[in-house]
N, C-alpha and C. Protein backbone atom coordinates (compact mmCIF):
# COMPACT_ATOMS: atom_id res chain seq x y z
N MET A 1 128.35 109.12 147.98
CA MET A 1 128.75 107.70 148.04
C MET A 1 128.07 107.03 149.23
N PRO A 2 127.43 105.90 149.02
CA PRO A 2 126.77 105.21 150.13
C PRO A 2 127.79 104.73 151.15
N ASP A 3 127.28 104.47 152.35
CA ASP A 3 128.15 104.00 153.42
C ASP A 3 128.86 102.72 153.00
N ARG A 4 130.14 102.66 153.23
CA ARG A 4 130.95 101.51 152.82
C ARG A 4 130.77 100.32 153.75
N LEU A 5 130.17 100.52 154.93
CA LEU A 5 129.90 99.45 155.89
C LEU A 5 128.40 99.34 156.07
N GLN A 6 127.85 98.17 155.71
CA GLN A 6 126.41 97.97 155.78
C GLN A 6 126.09 96.63 156.42
N VAL A 7 124.89 96.55 156.96
CA VAL A 7 124.38 95.31 157.55
C VAL A 7 123.27 94.77 156.66
N LEU A 8 123.30 93.47 156.46
CA LEU A 8 122.31 92.78 155.65
C LEU A 8 121.83 91.56 156.43
N SER A 9 120.58 91.24 156.30
CA SER A 9 120.05 90.00 156.88
C SER A 9 119.72 89.08 155.72
N GLY A 10 120.29 87.86 155.73
CA GLY A 10 119.99 86.94 154.64
C GLY A 10 121.05 85.89 154.45
N ASP A 11 121.05 85.32 153.26
CA ASP A 11 121.90 84.19 152.91
C ASP A 11 123.19 84.68 152.25
N ILE A 12 124.29 84.57 152.94
CA ILE A 12 125.58 85.05 152.45
C ILE A 12 126.00 84.35 151.16
N THR A 13 125.54 83.13 150.95
CA THR A 13 125.96 82.37 149.77
C THR A 13 125.37 82.91 148.47
N ARG A 14 124.41 83.81 148.56
CA ARG A 14 123.76 84.37 147.36
C ARG A 14 124.33 85.71 146.92
N LEU A 15 125.34 86.20 147.64
CA LEU A 15 125.84 87.54 147.36
C LEU A 15 126.93 87.54 146.30
N ALA A 16 126.77 88.43 145.33
CA ALA A 16 127.75 88.57 144.26
C ALA A 16 128.75 89.66 144.65
N VAL A 17 129.71 89.27 145.48
CA VAL A 17 130.77 90.16 145.94
C VAL A 17 132.10 89.53 145.57
N ASP A 18 133.18 90.27 145.76
CA ASP A 18 134.49 89.69 145.44
C ASP A 18 134.81 88.50 146.34
N ALA A 19 134.41 88.58 147.62
CA ALA A 19 134.64 87.45 148.54
C ALA A 19 133.58 87.42 149.62
N ILE A 20 133.22 86.21 150.01
CA ILE A 20 132.45 86.02 151.23
C ILE A 20 133.39 85.37 152.23
N VAL A 21 133.14 85.64 153.49
CA VAL A 21 133.94 85.04 154.55
C VAL A 21 133.18 83.84 155.09
N ASN A 22 133.91 82.76 155.28
CA ASN A 22 133.37 81.54 155.86
C ASN A 22 133.83 81.46 157.31
N ALA A 23 132.88 81.40 158.24
CA ALA A 23 133.19 81.15 159.64
C ALA A 23 133.40 79.64 159.76
N ALA A 24 134.63 79.23 159.51
CA ALA A 24 134.97 77.81 159.36
C ALA A 24 135.42 77.18 160.67
N ASN A 25 135.60 75.87 160.63
CA ASN A 25 136.29 75.20 161.73
C ASN A 25 137.73 74.94 161.28
N GLU A 26 138.58 74.50 162.19
CA GLU A 26 140.01 74.38 161.89
C GLU A 26 140.34 73.41 160.76
N SER A 27 139.46 72.46 160.49
CA SER A 27 139.74 71.50 159.41
C SER A 27 139.52 72.11 158.03
N LEU A 28 138.67 73.13 157.95
CA LEU A 28 138.22 73.75 156.69
C LEU A 28 137.44 72.78 155.80
N LEU A 29 136.97 71.70 156.36
CA LEU A 29 136.31 70.67 155.56
C LEU A 29 134.79 70.69 155.69
N GLY A 30 134.25 71.83 156.08
CA GLY A 30 132.80 71.95 156.18
C GLY A 30 132.32 71.65 157.58
N GLY A 31 131.10 72.01 157.84
CA GLY A 31 130.52 71.81 159.16
C GLY A 31 129.09 72.27 159.14
N GLY A 32 128.63 72.83 160.23
CA GLY A 32 127.27 73.31 160.33
C GLY A 32 127.18 74.79 160.04
N GLY A 33 126.02 75.35 160.20
CA GLY A 33 125.80 76.79 160.07
C GLY A 33 126.27 77.36 158.74
N VAL A 34 126.90 78.53 158.82
CA VAL A 34 127.40 79.23 157.64
C VAL A 34 128.39 78.36 156.88
N ASP A 35 129.26 77.69 157.60
CA ASP A 35 130.29 76.83 156.99
C ASP A 35 129.65 75.77 156.09
N GLY A 36 128.68 75.05 156.61
CA GLY A 36 128.01 74.02 155.82
C GLY A 36 127.27 74.60 154.63
N ALA A 37 126.61 75.75 154.84
CA ALA A 37 125.87 76.39 153.75
C ALA A 37 126.81 76.81 152.62
N ILE A 38 127.97 77.36 152.97
CA ILE A 38 128.93 77.78 151.96
C ILE A 38 129.46 76.58 151.20
N HIS A 39 129.80 75.51 151.89
CA HIS A 39 130.30 74.31 151.22
C HIS A 39 129.25 73.71 150.28
N ARG A 40 128.00 73.68 150.74
CA ARG A 40 126.93 73.13 149.88
C ARG A 40 126.75 73.99 148.63
N ALA A 41 126.73 75.30 148.80
CA ALA A 41 126.48 76.20 147.68
C ALA A 41 127.65 76.26 146.70
N ALA A 42 128.87 76.12 147.23
CA ALA A 42 130.06 76.21 146.37
C ALA A 42 130.26 74.94 145.55
N GLY A 43 129.76 73.81 146.03
CA GLY A 43 129.92 72.55 145.33
C GLY A 43 131.13 71.76 145.82
N PRO A 44 131.29 70.54 145.34
CA PRO A 44 132.33 69.64 145.84
C PRO A 44 133.76 70.13 145.57
N GLU A 45 133.91 71.03 144.61
CA GLU A 45 135.26 71.54 144.30
C GLU A 45 135.84 72.30 145.49
N LEU A 46 134.99 72.97 146.26
CA LEU A 46 135.50 73.71 147.43
C LEU A 46 136.08 72.75 148.45
N LEU A 47 135.38 71.68 148.73
CA LEU A 47 135.90 70.69 149.68
C LEU A 47 137.21 70.10 149.18
N ALA A 48 137.27 69.76 147.92
CA ALA A 48 138.51 69.19 147.35
C ALA A 48 139.66 70.19 147.48
N TYR A 49 139.39 71.46 147.21
CA TYR A 49 140.43 72.49 147.32
C TYR A 49 140.87 72.65 148.78
N CYS A 50 139.89 72.69 149.70
CA CYS A 50 140.20 72.86 151.12
C CYS A 50 141.03 71.71 151.68
N ARG A 51 140.85 70.51 151.13
CA ARG A 51 141.67 69.37 151.58
C ARG A 51 143.16 69.60 151.36
N THR A 52 143.50 70.47 150.40
CA THR A 52 144.91 70.73 150.09
C THR A 52 145.53 71.79 150.99
N LEU A 53 144.71 72.46 151.82
CA LEU A 53 145.20 73.60 152.59
C LEU A 53 145.77 73.26 153.97
N GLY A 54 145.52 72.04 154.44
CA GLY A 54 146.08 71.65 155.73
C GLY A 54 145.45 72.33 156.92
N GLY A 55 144.19 72.71 156.80
CA GLY A 55 143.50 73.31 157.93
C GLY A 55 143.86 74.78 158.12
N CYS A 56 143.39 75.32 159.23
CA CYS A 56 143.60 76.74 159.53
C CYS A 56 143.47 76.94 161.03
N PRO A 57 144.48 77.50 161.68
CA PRO A 57 144.39 77.74 163.12
C PRO A 57 143.40 78.87 163.46
N THR A 58 142.90 78.88 164.66
CA THR A 58 142.02 79.93 165.13
C THR A 58 142.69 81.30 164.97
N GLY A 59 141.94 82.24 164.42
CA GLY A 59 142.43 83.59 164.22
C GLY A 59 143.08 83.83 162.87
N GLU A 60 143.42 82.76 162.17
CA GLU A 60 144.06 82.88 160.86
C GLU A 60 143.00 82.86 159.76
N ALA A 61 143.43 83.03 158.51
CA ALA A 61 142.50 83.02 157.38
C ALA A 61 143.20 82.50 156.14
N LYS A 62 142.45 81.83 155.28
CA LYS A 62 142.95 81.31 154.00
C LYS A 62 141.91 81.60 152.93
N ILE A 63 142.37 81.76 151.70
CA ILE A 63 141.46 82.13 150.61
C ILE A 63 141.40 81.01 149.58
N THR A 64 140.20 80.82 149.03
CA THR A 64 139.97 79.82 147.97
C THR A 64 139.12 80.47 146.88
N PRO A 65 139.04 79.83 145.72
CA PRO A 65 138.05 80.28 144.72
C PRO A 65 136.63 80.07 145.27
N GLY A 66 135.68 80.75 144.66
CA GLY A 66 134.28 80.62 145.07
C GLY A 66 133.56 79.46 144.40
N PHE A 67 134.16 78.90 143.36
CA PHE A 67 133.57 77.79 142.60
C PHE A 67 132.15 78.12 142.18
N SER A 68 131.12 77.41 142.63
CA SER A 68 129.74 77.63 142.16
C SER A 68 129.02 78.78 142.85
N LEU A 69 129.68 79.49 143.73
CA LEU A 69 129.09 80.64 144.40
C LEU A 69 129.10 81.86 143.47
N PRO A 70 128.20 82.81 143.70
CA PRO A 70 128.28 84.06 142.93
C PRO A 70 129.50 84.91 143.31
N SER A 71 130.08 84.67 144.48
CA SER A 71 131.29 85.40 144.89
C SER A 71 132.50 84.75 144.24
N LYS A 72 133.48 85.59 143.93
CA LYS A 72 134.68 85.09 143.25
C LYS A 72 135.56 84.25 144.17
N HIS A 73 135.57 84.60 145.47
CA HIS A 73 136.44 83.95 146.43
C HIS A 73 135.69 83.64 147.72
N VAL A 74 136.27 82.72 148.49
CA VAL A 74 135.84 82.49 149.86
C VAL A 74 137.08 82.68 150.73
N ILE A 75 136.95 83.52 151.74
CA ILE A 75 138.01 83.65 152.74
C ILE A 75 137.54 82.90 153.97
N HIS A 76 138.28 81.87 154.32
CA HIS A 76 137.94 81.02 155.46
C HIS A 76 138.69 81.52 156.68
N THR A 77 137.98 81.74 157.77
CA THR A 77 138.64 82.11 159.02
C THR A 77 138.02 81.30 160.14
N VAL A 78 138.82 81.03 161.15
CA VAL A 78 138.37 80.22 162.28
C VAL A 78 138.27 81.12 163.51
N GLY A 79 137.05 81.37 163.92
CA GLY A 79 136.83 82.19 165.11
C GLY A 79 137.04 81.40 166.38
N PRO A 80 137.18 82.12 167.48
CA PRO A 80 137.39 81.47 168.77
C PRO A 80 136.08 80.93 169.35
N VAL A 81 136.19 79.84 170.08
CA VAL A 81 135.08 79.34 170.88
C VAL A 81 135.06 80.17 172.16
N TRP A 82 133.90 80.60 172.58
CA TRP A 82 133.77 81.43 173.78
C TRP A 82 133.99 80.59 175.04
N HIS A 83 134.93 81.04 175.86
CA HIS A 83 135.22 80.41 177.16
C HIS A 83 135.19 81.49 178.24
N GLU A 84 134.06 82.17 178.35
CA GLU A 84 133.87 83.22 179.34
C GLU A 84 134.80 84.42 179.18
N GLY A 85 135.49 84.52 178.04
CA GLY A 85 136.28 85.69 177.74
C GLY A 85 137.67 85.73 178.35
N ASN A 86 138.09 84.65 178.97
CA ASN A 86 139.39 84.68 179.65
C ASN A 86 140.45 83.81 178.97
N GLN A 87 140.24 83.49 177.70
CA GLN A 87 141.24 82.73 176.94
C GLN A 87 141.63 83.45 175.65
N GLY A 88 141.64 84.77 175.71
CA GLY A 88 142.08 85.55 174.57
C GLY A 88 141.09 85.62 173.42
N GLU A 89 139.81 85.37 173.72
CA GLU A 89 138.82 85.32 172.66
C GLU A 89 138.71 86.63 171.88
N ALA A 90 138.72 87.77 172.58
CA ALA A 90 138.57 89.06 171.89
C ALA A 90 139.74 89.30 170.93
N GLN A 91 140.95 88.98 171.37
CA GLN A 91 142.11 89.17 170.51
C GLN A 91 142.03 88.25 169.29
N LEU A 92 141.62 87.00 169.51
CA LEU A 92 141.51 86.05 168.40
C LEU A 92 140.43 86.46 167.41
N LEU A 93 139.31 86.95 167.92
CA LEU A 93 138.24 87.37 167.02
C LEU A 93 138.69 88.58 166.19
N GLY A 94 139.36 89.52 166.82
CA GLY A 94 139.90 90.65 166.08
C GLY A 94 140.88 90.21 165.01
N LEU A 95 141.71 89.22 165.33
CA LEU A 95 142.66 88.67 164.36
C LEU A 95 141.96 88.07 163.15
N CYS A 96 140.83 87.39 163.38
CA CYS A 96 140.06 86.83 162.26
C CYS A 96 139.75 87.91 161.24
N TYR A 97 139.21 89.01 161.72
CA TYR A 97 138.85 90.09 160.81
C TYR A 97 140.08 90.68 160.14
N ARG A 98 141.12 90.97 160.92
CA ARG A 98 142.33 91.57 160.35
C ARG A 98 142.96 90.68 159.29
N ASN A 99 142.98 89.37 159.53
CA ASN A 99 143.56 88.45 158.55
C ASN A 99 142.69 88.33 157.30
N CYS A 100 141.38 88.40 157.45
CA CYS A 100 140.50 88.42 156.28
C CYS A 100 140.77 89.68 155.45
N PHE A 101 140.88 90.81 156.11
CA PHE A 101 141.13 92.06 155.38
C PHE A 101 142.53 92.10 154.77
N ARG A 102 143.48 91.46 155.42
CA ARG A 102 144.83 91.36 154.84
C ARG A 102 144.78 90.59 153.53
N LEU A 103 144.06 89.47 153.52
CA LEU A 103 143.92 88.69 152.28
C LEU A 103 143.14 89.47 151.22
N ALA A 104 142.12 90.20 151.64
CA ALA A 104 141.34 91.00 150.69
C ALA A 104 142.24 92.02 150.01
N ARG A 105 143.08 92.66 150.79
CA ARG A 105 143.98 93.67 150.22
C ARG A 105 145.01 93.01 149.29
N LYS A 106 145.58 91.90 149.73
CA LYS A 106 146.59 91.19 148.95
C LYS A 106 146.05 90.77 147.58
N HIS A 107 144.77 90.40 147.54
CA HIS A 107 144.16 89.90 146.31
C HIS A 107 143.37 90.98 145.56
N GLY A 108 143.46 92.21 146.01
CA GLY A 108 142.80 93.31 145.30
C GLY A 108 141.29 93.28 145.35
N LEU A 109 140.73 92.74 146.43
CA LEU A 109 139.28 92.63 146.52
C LEU A 109 138.67 93.95 146.94
N ARG A 110 137.53 94.29 146.32
CA ARG A 110 136.88 95.57 146.57
C ARG A 110 135.60 95.43 147.41
N SER A 111 135.02 94.23 147.43
CA SER A 111 133.79 94.02 148.20
C SER A 111 133.88 92.68 148.93
N ILE A 112 133.43 92.70 150.18
CA ILE A 112 133.53 91.51 151.01
C ILE A 112 132.30 91.42 151.91
N ALA A 113 131.79 90.21 152.06
CA ALA A 113 130.64 89.96 152.94
C ALA A 113 131.10 89.03 154.05
N ILE A 114 130.75 89.41 155.28
CA ILE A 114 131.26 88.70 156.46
C ILE A 114 130.10 88.31 157.37
N PRO A 115 130.05 87.04 157.78
CA PRO A 115 129.01 86.64 158.74
C PRO A 115 129.41 87.05 160.15
N ALA A 116 128.55 86.81 161.10
CA ALA A 116 128.84 87.09 162.51
C ALA A 116 129.73 85.97 163.04
N ILE A 117 131.04 86.16 162.87
CA ILE A 117 132.02 85.13 163.23
C ILE A 117 131.93 84.79 164.71
N SER A 118 131.88 83.49 165.01
CA SER A 118 131.85 82.91 166.36
C SER A 118 130.53 83.09 167.12
N CYS A 119 129.53 83.70 166.50
CA CYS A 119 128.27 83.96 167.20
C CYS A 119 127.27 82.81 167.15
N GLY A 120 127.57 81.77 166.40
CA GLY A 120 126.67 80.61 166.34
C GLY A 120 127.05 79.61 167.42
N VAL A 121 127.38 78.40 167.01
CA VAL A 121 127.68 77.33 167.97
C VAL A 121 128.92 77.62 168.81
N TYR A 122 129.77 78.56 168.37
CA TYR A 122 130.97 78.89 169.17
C TYR A 122 130.63 79.76 170.37
N GLY A 123 129.39 80.28 170.44
CA GLY A 123 128.86 80.89 171.65
C GLY A 123 129.36 82.26 172.04
N TYR A 124 130.01 82.97 171.12
CA TYR A 124 130.51 84.31 171.47
C TYR A 124 129.31 85.23 171.71
N PRO A 125 129.32 86.01 172.78
CA PRO A 125 128.20 86.93 173.02
C PRO A 125 128.03 87.91 171.86
N ARG A 126 126.82 88.01 171.35
CA ARG A 126 126.56 88.76 170.12
C ARG A 126 126.98 90.22 170.19
N GLU A 127 126.64 90.90 171.28
CA GLU A 127 126.95 92.34 171.37
C GLU A 127 128.46 92.56 171.37
N ALA A 128 129.19 91.77 172.13
CA ALA A 128 130.65 91.91 172.19
C ALA A 128 131.28 91.60 170.84
N ALA A 129 130.80 90.56 170.18
CA ALA A 129 131.33 90.20 168.86
C ALA A 129 131.02 91.29 167.84
N ALA A 130 129.85 91.88 167.91
CA ALA A 130 129.46 92.94 166.98
C ALA A 130 130.35 94.17 167.15
N ARG A 131 130.69 94.51 168.39
CA ARG A 131 131.57 95.67 168.62
C ARG A 131 132.94 95.44 167.99
N ILE A 132 133.47 94.22 168.14
CA ILE A 132 134.77 93.89 167.55
C ILE A 132 134.67 93.92 166.03
N ALA A 133 133.63 93.32 165.48
CA ALA A 133 133.45 93.29 164.02
C ALA A 133 133.41 94.71 163.45
N VAL A 134 132.62 95.58 164.05
CA VAL A 134 132.48 96.94 163.54
C VAL A 134 133.80 97.70 163.66
N ALA A 135 134.48 97.56 164.78
CA ALA A 135 135.76 98.25 164.96
C ALA A 135 136.78 97.80 163.92
N GLU A 136 136.86 96.50 163.68
CA GLU A 136 137.83 95.97 162.71
C GLU A 136 137.45 96.37 161.28
N CYS A 137 136.16 96.39 160.97
CA CYS A 137 135.72 96.81 159.64
C CYS A 137 136.05 98.28 159.40
N ARG A 138 135.79 99.10 160.39
CA ARG A 138 136.11 100.54 160.23
C ARG A 138 137.60 100.75 160.05
N SER A 139 138.39 100.02 160.79
CA SER A 139 139.85 100.13 160.67
C SER A 139 140.30 99.72 159.26
N ALA A 140 139.73 98.62 158.76
CA ALA A 140 140.08 98.13 157.42
C ALA A 140 139.69 99.15 156.35
N LEU A 141 138.53 99.77 156.50
CA LEU A 141 138.08 100.77 155.53
C LEU A 141 138.99 102.00 155.56
N ALA A 142 139.45 102.37 156.74
CA ALA A 142 140.35 103.52 156.86
C ALA A 142 141.72 103.22 156.25
N ASP A 143 142.17 101.97 156.40
CA ASP A 143 143.51 101.58 155.92
C ASP A 143 143.55 101.21 154.45
N ASN A 144 142.39 100.90 153.85
CA ASN A 144 142.37 100.41 152.48
C ASN A 144 141.30 101.14 151.66
N PRO A 145 141.70 102.25 151.02
CA PRO A 145 140.72 103.01 150.23
C PRO A 145 140.15 102.23 149.04
N ASP A 146 140.84 101.17 148.61
CA ASP A 146 140.34 100.36 147.50
C ASP A 146 139.18 99.45 147.92
N LEU A 147 139.01 99.26 149.21
CA LEU A 147 137.92 98.44 149.73
C LEU A 147 136.64 99.29 149.68
N GLU A 148 135.79 98.98 148.72
CA GLU A 148 134.60 99.80 148.47
C GLU A 148 133.42 99.47 149.36
N ARG A 149 133.31 98.20 149.76
CA ARG A 149 132.11 97.80 150.49
C ARG A 149 132.37 96.60 151.38
N ILE A 150 131.92 96.72 152.62
CA ILE A 150 131.89 95.58 153.55
C ILE A 150 130.45 95.38 153.95
N LEU A 151 129.97 94.17 153.76
CA LEU A 151 128.63 93.80 154.19
C LEU A 151 128.75 92.87 155.40
N LEU A 152 128.19 93.27 156.52
CA LEU A 152 128.09 92.38 157.67
C LEU A 152 126.76 91.65 157.51
N VAL A 153 126.84 90.35 157.31
CA VAL A 153 125.66 89.57 156.95
C VAL A 153 125.20 88.72 158.13
N ALA A 154 123.99 88.98 158.57
CA ALA A 154 123.39 88.23 159.67
C ALA A 154 122.44 87.20 159.08
N PHE A 155 122.43 86.02 159.66
CA PHE A 155 121.52 84.98 159.20
C PHE A 155 120.08 85.32 159.55
N ASP A 156 119.88 86.03 160.66
CA ASP A 156 118.52 86.39 161.05
C ASP A 156 118.46 87.87 161.45
N GLU A 157 117.26 88.36 161.54
CA GLU A 157 117.06 89.80 161.82
C GLU A 157 117.52 90.19 163.22
N SER A 158 117.47 89.26 164.19
CA SER A 158 117.90 89.64 165.54
C SER A 158 119.41 89.93 165.58
N MET A 159 120.20 89.16 164.84
CA MET A 159 121.64 89.45 164.77
C MET A 159 121.89 90.71 163.96
N ALA A 160 121.12 90.92 162.91
CA ALA A 160 121.27 92.14 162.11
C ALA A 160 121.03 93.37 162.99
N LYS A 161 120.05 93.29 163.87
CA LYS A 161 119.76 94.41 164.78
C LYS A 161 120.95 94.68 165.69
N VAL A 162 121.57 93.64 166.21
CA VAL A 162 122.74 93.79 167.08
C VAL A 162 123.87 94.47 166.31
N LEU A 163 124.09 94.05 165.06
CA LEU A 163 125.13 94.66 164.24
C LEU A 163 124.82 96.12 163.93
N ARG A 164 123.57 96.43 163.63
CA ARG A 164 123.19 97.82 163.35
C ARG A 164 123.40 98.70 164.59
N GLN A 165 123.08 98.16 165.76
CA GLN A 165 123.28 98.90 167.00
C GLN A 165 124.78 99.18 167.22
N ALA A 166 125.62 98.20 166.91
CA ALA A 166 127.06 98.39 167.09
C ALA A 166 127.58 99.47 166.15
N ILE A 167 127.04 99.53 164.93
CA ILE A 167 127.45 100.56 163.98
C ILE A 167 127.02 101.94 164.46
N SER A 168 125.82 102.05 164.98
CA SER A 168 125.32 103.37 165.38
C SER A 168 125.82 103.82 166.76
N ALA A 169 126.47 102.95 167.49
CA ALA A 169 126.96 103.28 168.85
C ALA A 169 128.34 103.94 168.82
N VAL A 170 128.48 104.95 167.97
CA VAL A 170 129.79 105.63 167.85
C VAL A 170 129.87 106.75 168.86
């Protein structure tokens, strides 16, 4: 059986998995980076659906249909903005992953693709974020045997390298 945790470099909106994770802002109404790309690819129905959710606090997660995406669902989570690490950022980032995996389990999802949450405009240091992502993914795989595959999806090869290093640094 291939490794259940893998790193991919590319466009998360093109992946045919049970769910992709959106690194969203608290409004859930779209934005830049991964968030904007997911909203554009999913079509206007995603925005209309998100308007009914009442936003999402940092560290929490909400699930929607994938609409025009190849993925069946989108799990929206709001990562922390980096403030030098002294405002609970590590705990909040870990919560993002745990809440995404909680929703995946609740909805019987077997495959999930996750971007580098908080590593874009939110400024989280890439290496530290990658260590948290890998630890939370491994924990989720250990706790949920039905979860067949987690893809950590980097927008560019430099982030993919950081994620691969975090996986191999056991």
